[in-house]
């Protein structure tokens, strides 16, 4: 039996474990790509709802105008036009709070030249290798809090203020219904939080 195992290991063939890891990694990349394409299509529709022209959206997205038009048609919702999304930072639904946490962690990581404890987690979320599950959000909070404590002297005070505000809201989630998909709200909150931190630094 041992001789057969040695022959298999030295034959140049992959083990099942190696094949499983490779395919799982490929699946992550494919899934992330599909999710990002869907998110981009939703964002294109959102920008159109804000009144931006298809030509301007195409320019910003580095797409052709017909491609933008096709995306808008594909994801057009039947019925009445939904109420416009609110873009103020203080919103209490879970995807919005997760986006704010993600944006703050990304700013901390950048300020500390990627030496922050949260850096690898932020990169995994950004690349779609991790999802915004309750467990992953808790882990990001733990790493971020550790960075804020250990590097207090290197980080602007408003970073800690933002974390405390986000953390309190996550501990006491509000039962609210918000306009827009979770992924769109998360992406918007991420961007707005980063802009707010940058302007107040």
C-alpha atoms as a PDB file:
ATOM      1  CA  UNK A   1       0.000   0.000   0.000  1.00  0.00           C
ATOM      2  CA  UNK A   2       2.801   2.390   0.918  1.00  0.00           C
ATOM      3  CA  UNK A   3       4.524   1.618  -2.361  1.00  0.00           C
ATOM      4  CA  UNK A   4       1.384   2.527  -4.311  1.00  0.00           C
ATOM      5  CA  UNK A   5       1.066   5.839  -2.429  1.00  0.00           C
ATOM      6  CA  UNK A   6       4.720   6.704  -3.131  1.00  0.00           C
ATOM      7  CA  UNK A   7       4.267   5.871  -6.815  1.00  0.00           C
ATOM      8  CA  UNK A   8       1.213   8.160  -6.996  1.00  0.00           C
ATOM      9  CA  UNK A   9       2.985  11.018  -5.211  1.00  0.00           C
ATOM     10  CA  UNK A  10       6.047  10.787  -7.463  1.00  0.00           C
ATOM     11  CA  UNK A  11       4.178  10.251 -10.714  1.00  0.00           C
ATOM     12  CA  UNK A  12       3.652  13.951 -11.326  1.00  0.00           C
ATOM     13  CA  UNK A  13      -0.111  13.722 -10.762  1.00  0.00           C
ATOM     14  CA  UNK A  14      -1.922  16.190  -8.498  1.00  0.00           C
ATOM     15  CA  UNK A  15      -3.439  14.972  -5.288  1.00  0.00           C
ATOM     16  CA  UNK A  16      -7.150  15.472  -4.698  1.00  0.00           C
ATOM     17  CA  UNK A  17      -6.324  18.097  -2.066  1.00  0.00           C
ATOM     18  CA  UNK A  18      -4.163  20.060  -4.517  1.00  0.00           C
ATOM     19  CA  UNK A  19      -6.817  19.884  -7.222  1.00  0.00           C
ATOM     20  CA  UNK A  20      -9.502  20.949  -4.753  1.00  0.00           C
ATOM     21  CA  UNK A  21      -7.458  23.993  -3.653  1.00  0.00           C
ATOM     22  CA  UNK A  22      -6.772  25.035  -7.251  1.00  0.00           C
ATOM     23  CA  UNK A  23     -10.387  24.735  -8.322  1.00  0.00           C
ATOM     24  CA  UNK A  24     -11.613  26.506  -5.179  1.00  0.00           C
ATOM     25  CA  UNK A  25      -9.256  29.397  -5.933  1.00  0.00           C
ATOM     26  CA  UNK A  26     -10.483  29.591  -9.521  1.00  0.00           C
ATOM     27  CA  UNK A  27     -14.090  29.483  -8.359  1.00  0.00           C
ATOM     28  CA  UNK A  28     -13.415  32.434  -6.043  1.00  0.00           C
ATOM     29  CA  UNK A  29     -12.016  34.496  -8.921  1.00  0.00           C
ATOM     30  CA  UNK A  30     -14.920  33.572 -11.210  1.00  0.00           C
ATOM     31  CA  UNK A  31     -17.501  34.311  -8.517  1.00  0.00           C
ATOM     32  CA  UNK A  32     -15.873  37.633  -7.696  1.00  0.00           C
ATOM     33  CA  UNK A  33     -15.853  38.558 -11.389  1.00  0.00           C
ATOM     34  CA  UNK A  34     -19.520  37.728 -11.806  1.00  0.00           C
ATOM     35  CA  UNK A  35     -20.461  39.645  -8.669  1.00  0.00           C
ATOM     36  CA  UNK A  36     -18.412  42.658  -9.779  1.00  0.00           C
ATOM     37  CA  UNK A  37     -20.055  42.677 -13.225  1.00  0.00           C
ATOM     38  CA  UNK A  38     -23.473  42.609 -11.601  1.00  0.00           C
ATOM     39  CA  UNK A  39     -22.483  45.390  -9.203  1.00  0.00           C
ATOM     40  CA  UNK A  40     -21.183  47.527 -12.074  1.00  0.00           C
ATOM     41  CA  UNK A  41     -24.466  47.078 -13.935  1.00  0.00           C
ATOM     42  CA  UNK A  42     -26.422  48.105 -10.843  1.00  0.00           C
ATOM     43  CA  UNK A  43     -24.186  51.144 -10.349  1.00  0.00           C
ATOM     44  CA  UNK A  44     -24.680  52.162 -13.989  1.00  0.00           C
ATOM     45  CA  UNK A  45     -28.446  52.084 -13.492  1.00  0.00           C
ATOM     46  CA  UNK A  46     -28.065  54.075 -10.268  1.00  0.00           C
ATOM     47  CA  UNK A  47     -26.000  56.767 -11.976  1.00  0.00           C
ATOM     48  CA  UNK A  48     -28.632  57.007 -14.695  1.00  0.00           C
ATOM     49  CA  UNK A  49     -31.295  57.447 -11.999  1.00  0.00           C
ATOM     50  CA  UNK A  50     -29.194  60.327 -10.638  1.00  0.00           C
ATOM     51  CA  UNK A  51     -29.553  61.965 -14.060  1.00  0.00           C
ATOM     52  CA  UNK A  52     -26.162  61.250 -15.592  1.00  0.00           C
ATOM     53  CA  UNK A  53     -26.148  60.731 -19.353  1.00  0.00           C
ATOM     54  CA  UNK A  54     -25.209  57.417 -20.921  1.00  0.00           C
ATOM     55  CA  UNK A  55     -22.278  59.124 -22.646  1.00  0.00           C
ATOM     56  CA  UNK A  56     -20.889  60.390 -19.337  1.00  0.00           C
ATOM     57  CA  UNK A  57     -21.363  56.998 -17.654  1.00  0.00           C
ATOM     58  CA  UNK A  58     -19.653  55.286 -20.588  1.00  0.00           C
ATOM     59  CA  UNK A  59     -16.716  57.682 -20.296  1.00  0.00           C
ATOM     60  CA  UNK A  60     -16.330  57.100 -16.546  1.00  0.00           C
ATOM     61  CA  UNK A  61     -16.777  53.319 -16.816  1.00  0.00           C
ATOM     62  CA  UNK A  62     -14.467  53.029 -19.840  1.00  0.00           C
ATOM     63  CA  UNK A  63     -17.259  51.386 -21.811  1.00  0.00           C
ATOM     64  CA  UNK A  64     -18.994  52.099 -25.085  1.00  0.00           C
ATOM     65  CA  UNK A  65     -22.306  53.934 -24.996  1.00  0.00           C
ATOM     66  CA  UNK A  66     -24.164  50.950 -26.548  1.00  0.00           C
ATOM     67  CA  UNK A  67     -22.702  48.697 -23.823  1.00  0.00           C
ATOM     68  CA  UNK A  68     -23.970  51.071 -21.142  1.00  0.00           C
ATOM     69  CA  UNK A  69     -27.391  51.172 -22.772  1.00  0.00           C
ATOM     70  CA  UNK A  70     -27.483  47.366 -22.889  1.00  0.00           C
ATOM     71  CA  UNK A  71     -26.627  47.126 -19.179  1.00  0.00           C
ATOM     72  CA  UNK A  72     -29.338  49.621 -18.274  1.00  0.00           C
ATOM     73  CA  UNK A  73     -31.938  47.726 -20.303  1.00  0.00           C
ATOM     74  CA  UNK A  74     -30.884  44.385 -18.843  1.00  0.00           C
ATOM     75  CA  UNK A  75     -31.250  45.504 -15.246  1.00  0.00           C
ATOM     76  CA  UNK A  76     -34.209  47.826 -15.693  1.00  0.00           C
ATOM     77  CA  UNK A  77     -36.767  47.151 -12.969  1.00  0.00           C
ATOM     78  CA  UNK A  78     -40.435  46.855 -13.927  1.00  0.00           C
ATOM     79  CA  UNK A  79     -42.967  49.187 -12.398  1.00  0.00           C
ATOM     80  CA  UNK A  80     -42.494  52.603 -10.905  1.00  0.00           C
ATOM     81  CA  UNK A  81     -39.112  54.219 -10.555  1.00  0.00           C
ATOM     82  CA  UNK A  82     -37.698  53.449  -7.067  1.00  0.00           C
ATOM     83  CA  UNK A  83     -37.157  56.297  -4.615  1.00  0.00           C
ATOM     84  CA  UNK A  84     -33.705  57.855  -4.942  1.00  0.00           C
ATOM     85  CA  UNK A  85     -30.925  56.545  -2.743  1.00  0.00           C
ATOM     86  CA  UNK A  86     -29.894  58.758   0.153  1.00  0.00           C
ATOM     87  CA  UNK A  87     -26.183  59.441   0.209  1.00  0.00           C
ATOM     88  CA  UNK A  88     -25.710  60.881   3.698  1.00  0.00           C
ATOM     89  CA  UNK A  89     -23.262  58.942   5.863  1.00  0.00           C
ATOM     90  CA  UNK A  90     -25.496  58.376   8.892  1.00  0.00           C
ATOM     91  CA  UNK A  91     -27.681  55.455   7.791  1.00  0.00           C
ATOM     92  CA  UNK A  92     -28.336  52.432   9.964  1.00  0.00           C
ATOM     93  CA  UNK A  93     -29.001  49.455   7.683  1.00  0.00           C
ATOM     94  CA  UNK A  94     -26.462  46.632   7.871  1.00  0.00           C
ATOM     95  CA  UNK A  95     -24.977  46.794   4.322  1.00  0.00           C
ATOM     96  CA  UNK A  96     -24.397  50.548   4.737  1.00  0.00           C
ATOM     97  CA  UNK A  97     -22.608  50.007   8.068  1.00  0.00           C
ATOM     98  CA  UNK A  98     -20.528  47.189   6.575  1.00  0.00           C
ATOM     99  CA  UNK A  99     -19.511  49.486   3.726  1.00  0.00           C
ATOM    100  CA  UNK A 100     -18.475  52.198   6.190  1.00  0.00           C
ATOM    101  CA  UNK A 101     -16.417  49.677   8.180  1.00  0.00           C
ATOM    102  CA  UNK A 102     -14.755  48.447   4.981  1.00  0.00           C
ATOM    103  CA  UNK A 103     -13.956  52.014   3.882  1.00  0.00           C
ATOM    104  CA  UNK A 104     -12.484  52.889   7.278  1.00  0.00           C
ATOM    105  CA  UNK A 105     -10.359  49.723   7.313  1.00  0.00           C
ATOM    106  CA  UNK A 106      -9.065  50.539   3.830  1.00  0.00           C
ATOM    107  CA  UNK A 107      -8.076  54.041   4.956  1.00  0.00           C
ATOM    108  CA  UNK A 108      -6.302  52.665   8.045  1.00  0.00           C
ATOM    109  CA  UNK A 109      -4.465  50.146   5.876  1.00  0.00           C
ATOM    110  CA  UNK A 110      -3.360  52.846   3.432  1.00  0.00           C
ATOM    111  CA  UNK A 111      -2.298  55.265   6.168  1.00  0.00           C
ATOM    112  CA  UNK A 112      -0.126  52.562   7.759  1.00  0.00           C
ATOM    113  CA  UNK A 113       1.425  51.628   4.376  1.00  0.00           C
ATOM    114  CA  UNK A 114      -0.320  48.244   4.320  1.00  0.00           C
ATOM    115  CA  UNK A 115       1.334  47.170   7.604  1.00  0.00           C
ATOM    116  CA  UNK A 116      -2.005  47.192   9.440  1.00  0.00           C
ATOM    117  CA  UNK A 117      -3.363  43.959  10.859  1.00  0.00           C
ATOM    118  CA  UNK A 118      -6.556  44.485   8.865  1.00  0.00           C
ATOM    119  CA  UNK A 119      -4.783  44.807   5.493  1.00  0.00           C
ATOM    120  CA  UNK A 120      -5.032  41.175   4.391  1.00  0.00           C
ATOM    121  CA  UNK A 121      -8.685  41.029   5.375  1.00  0.00           C
ATOM    122  CA  UNK A 122      -9.455  44.242   3.504  1.00  0.00           C
ATOM    123  CA  UNK A 123      -7.720  42.914   0.388  1.00  0.00           C
ATOM    124  CA  UNK A 124      -9.643  39.633   0.601  1.00  0.00           C
ATOM    125  CA  UNK A 125     -12.970  41.490   0.842  1.00  0.00           C
ATOM    126  CA  UNK A 126     -12.057  43.810  -2.017  1.00  0.00           C
ATOM    127  CA  UNK A 127     -11.099  40.917  -4.291  1.00  0.00           C
ATOM    128  CA  UNK A 128     -14.161  38.878  -3.421  1.00  0.00           C
ATOM    129  CA  UNK A 129     -12.194  36.155  -1.628  1.00  0.00           C
ATOM    130  CA  UNK A 130     -14.196  36.838   1.513  1.00  0.00           C
ATOM    131  CA  UNK A 131     -17.834  37.829   1.813  1.00  0.00           C
ATOM    132  CA  UNK A 132     -19.571  40.120   4.245  1.00  0.00           C
ATOM    133  CA  UNK A 133     -20.794  37.418   6.582  1.00  0.00           C
ATOM    134  CA  UNK A 134     -21.401  38.185  10.280  1.00  0.00           C
ATOM    135  CA  UNK A 135     -18.267  36.201  11.166  1.00  0.00           C
ATOM    136  CA  UNK A 136     -16.087  38.076   8.651  1.00  0.00           C
ATOM    137  CA  UNK A 137     -17.447  41.445   9.743  1.00  0.00           C
ATOM    138  CA  UNK A 138     -16.700  40.574  13.374  1.00  0.00           C
ATOM    139  CA  UNK A 139     -13.163  39.565  12.457  1.00  0.00           C
ATOM    140  CA  UNK A 140     -12.618  42.791  10.508  1.00  0.00           C
ATOM    141  CA  UNK A 141     -13.861  44.765  13.510  1.00  0.00           C
ATOM    142  CA  UNK A 142     -11.438  42.926  15.798  1.00  0.00           C
ATOM    143  CA  UNK A 143      -8.445  43.554  13.522  1.00  0.00           C
ATOM    144  CA  UNK A 144      -9.402  47.175  12.926  1.00  0.00           C
ATOM    145  CA  UNK A 145      -9.835  47.887  16.619  1.00  0.00           C
ATOM    146  CA  UNK A 146      -6.412  46.383  17.264  1.00  0.00           C
ATOM    147  CA  UNK A 147      -4.863  48.649  14.609  1.00  0.00           C
ATOM    148  CA  UNK A 148      -6.569  51.720  16.041  1.00  0.00           C
ATOM    149  CA  UNK A 149      -5.293  50.872  19.520  1.00  0.00           C
ATOM    150  CA  UNK A 150      -1.717  49.981  18.550  1.00  0.00           C
ATOM    151  CA  UNK A 151      -1.192  52.844  16.073  1.00  0.00           C
ATOM    152  CA  UNK A 152      -3.155  55.571  17.816  1.00  0.00           C
ATOM    153  CA  UNK A 153      -0.334  58.097  17.450  1.00  0.00           C
ATOM    154  CA  UNK A 154      -0.057  57.517  13.686  1.00  0.00           C
ATOM    155  CA  UNK A 155      -3.741  57.731  12.839  1.00  0.00           C
ATOM    156  CA  UNK A 156      -5.991  60.801  12.732  1.00  0.00           C
ATOM    157  CA  UNK A 157      -8.433  61.069  15.642  1.00  0.00           C
ATOM    158  CA  UNK A 158     -11.432  61.020  13.331  1.00  0.00           C
ATOM    159  CA  UNK A 159     -10.612  57.400  12.413  1.00  0.00           C
ATOM    160  CA  UNK A 160     -11.329  56.286  15.975  1.00  0.00           C
ATOM    161  CA  UNK A 161     -14.449  58.465  16.097  1.00  0.00           C
ATOM    162  CA  UNK A 162     -15.738  56.847  12.901  1.00  0.00           C
ATOM    163  CA  UNK A 163     -15.015  53.363  14.231  1.00  0.00           C
ATOM    164  CA  UNK A 164     -16.840  54.029  17.505  1.00  0.00           C
ATOM    165  CA  UNK A 165     -19.876  55.334  15.620  1.00  0.00           C
ATOM    166  CA  UNK A 166     -19.957  52.377  13.213  1.00  0.00           C
ATOM    167  CA  UNK A 167     -19.341  49.860  15.977  1.00  0.00           C
ATOM    168  CA  UNK A 168     -22.155  51.185  18.161  1.00  0.00           C
ATOM    169  CA  UNK A 169     -24.556  50.981  15.225  1.00  0.00           C
ATOM    170  CA  UNK A 170     -23.472  47.407  14.415  1.00  0.00           C
ATOM    171  CA  UNK A 171     -24.007  46.399  18.045  1.00  0.00           C
ATOM    172  CA  UNK A 172     -27.546  47.824  17.965  1.00  0.00           C
ATOM    173  CA  UNK A 173     -28.760  47.119  14.420  1.00  0.00           C
ATOM    174  CA  UNK A 174     -31.762  49.101  13.272  1.00  0.00           C
ATOM    175  CA  UNK A 175     -34.694  47.328  11.660  1.00  0.00           C
ATOM    176  CA  UNK A 176     -34.882  49.543   8.574  1.00  0.00           C
ATOM    177  CA  UNK A 177     -35.728  49.008   4.924  1.00  0.00           C
ATOM    178  CA  UNK A 178     -33.352  50.811   2.600  1.00  0.00           C
ATOM    179  CA  UNK A 179     -33.467  51.542  -1.121  1.00  0.00           C
ATOM    180  CA  UNK A 180     -31.006  49.656  -3.297  1.00  0.00           C
ATOM    181  CA  UNK A 181     -29.349  46.260  -3.203  1.00  0.00           C
ATOM    182  CA  UNK A 182     -26.980  45.323  -0.378  1.00  0.00           C
ATOM    183  CA  UNK A 183     -23.940  45.308  -2.681  1.00  0.00           C
ATOM    184  CA  UNK A 184     -24.731  48.761  -4.083  1.00  0.00           C
ATOM    185  CA  UNK A 185     -25.309  50.249  -0.642  1.00  0.00           C
ATOM    186  CA  UNK A 186     -22.125  48.675   0.674  1.00  0.00           C
ATOM    187  CA  UNK A 187     -20.090  50.049  -2.235  1.00  0.00           C
ATOM    188  CA  UNK A 188     -21.577  53.541  -1.877  1.00  0.00           C
ATOM    189  CA  UNK A 189     -20.999  53.672   1.876  1.00  0.00           C
ATOM    190  CA  UNK A 190     -17.436  52.451   1.373  1.00  0.00           C
ATOM    191  CA  UNK A 191     -16.681  55.274  -1.051  1.00  0.00           C
ATOM    192  CA  UNK A 192     -18.453  58.007   0.916  1.00  0.00           C
ATOM    193  CA  UNK A 193     -16.757  56.951   4.170  1.00  0.00           C
ATOM    194  CA  UNK A 194     -13.323  57.099   2.527  1.00  0.00           C
ATOM    195  CA  UNK A 195     -14.057  60.535   1.064  1.00  0.00           C
ATOM    196  CA  UNK A 196     -15.282  61.834   4.427  1.00  0.00           C
ATOM    197  CA  UNK A 197     -12.176  60.589   6.239  1.00  0.00           C
ATOM    198  CA  UNK A 198      -9.935  62.110   3.596  1.00  0.00           C
ATOM    199  CA  UNK A 199     -11.636  65.513   3.706  1.00  0.00           C
ATOM    200  CA  UNK A 200     -11.544  65.661   7.512  1.00  0.00           C
ATOM    201  CA  UNK A 201      -7.991  64.422   7.966  1.00  0.00           C
END
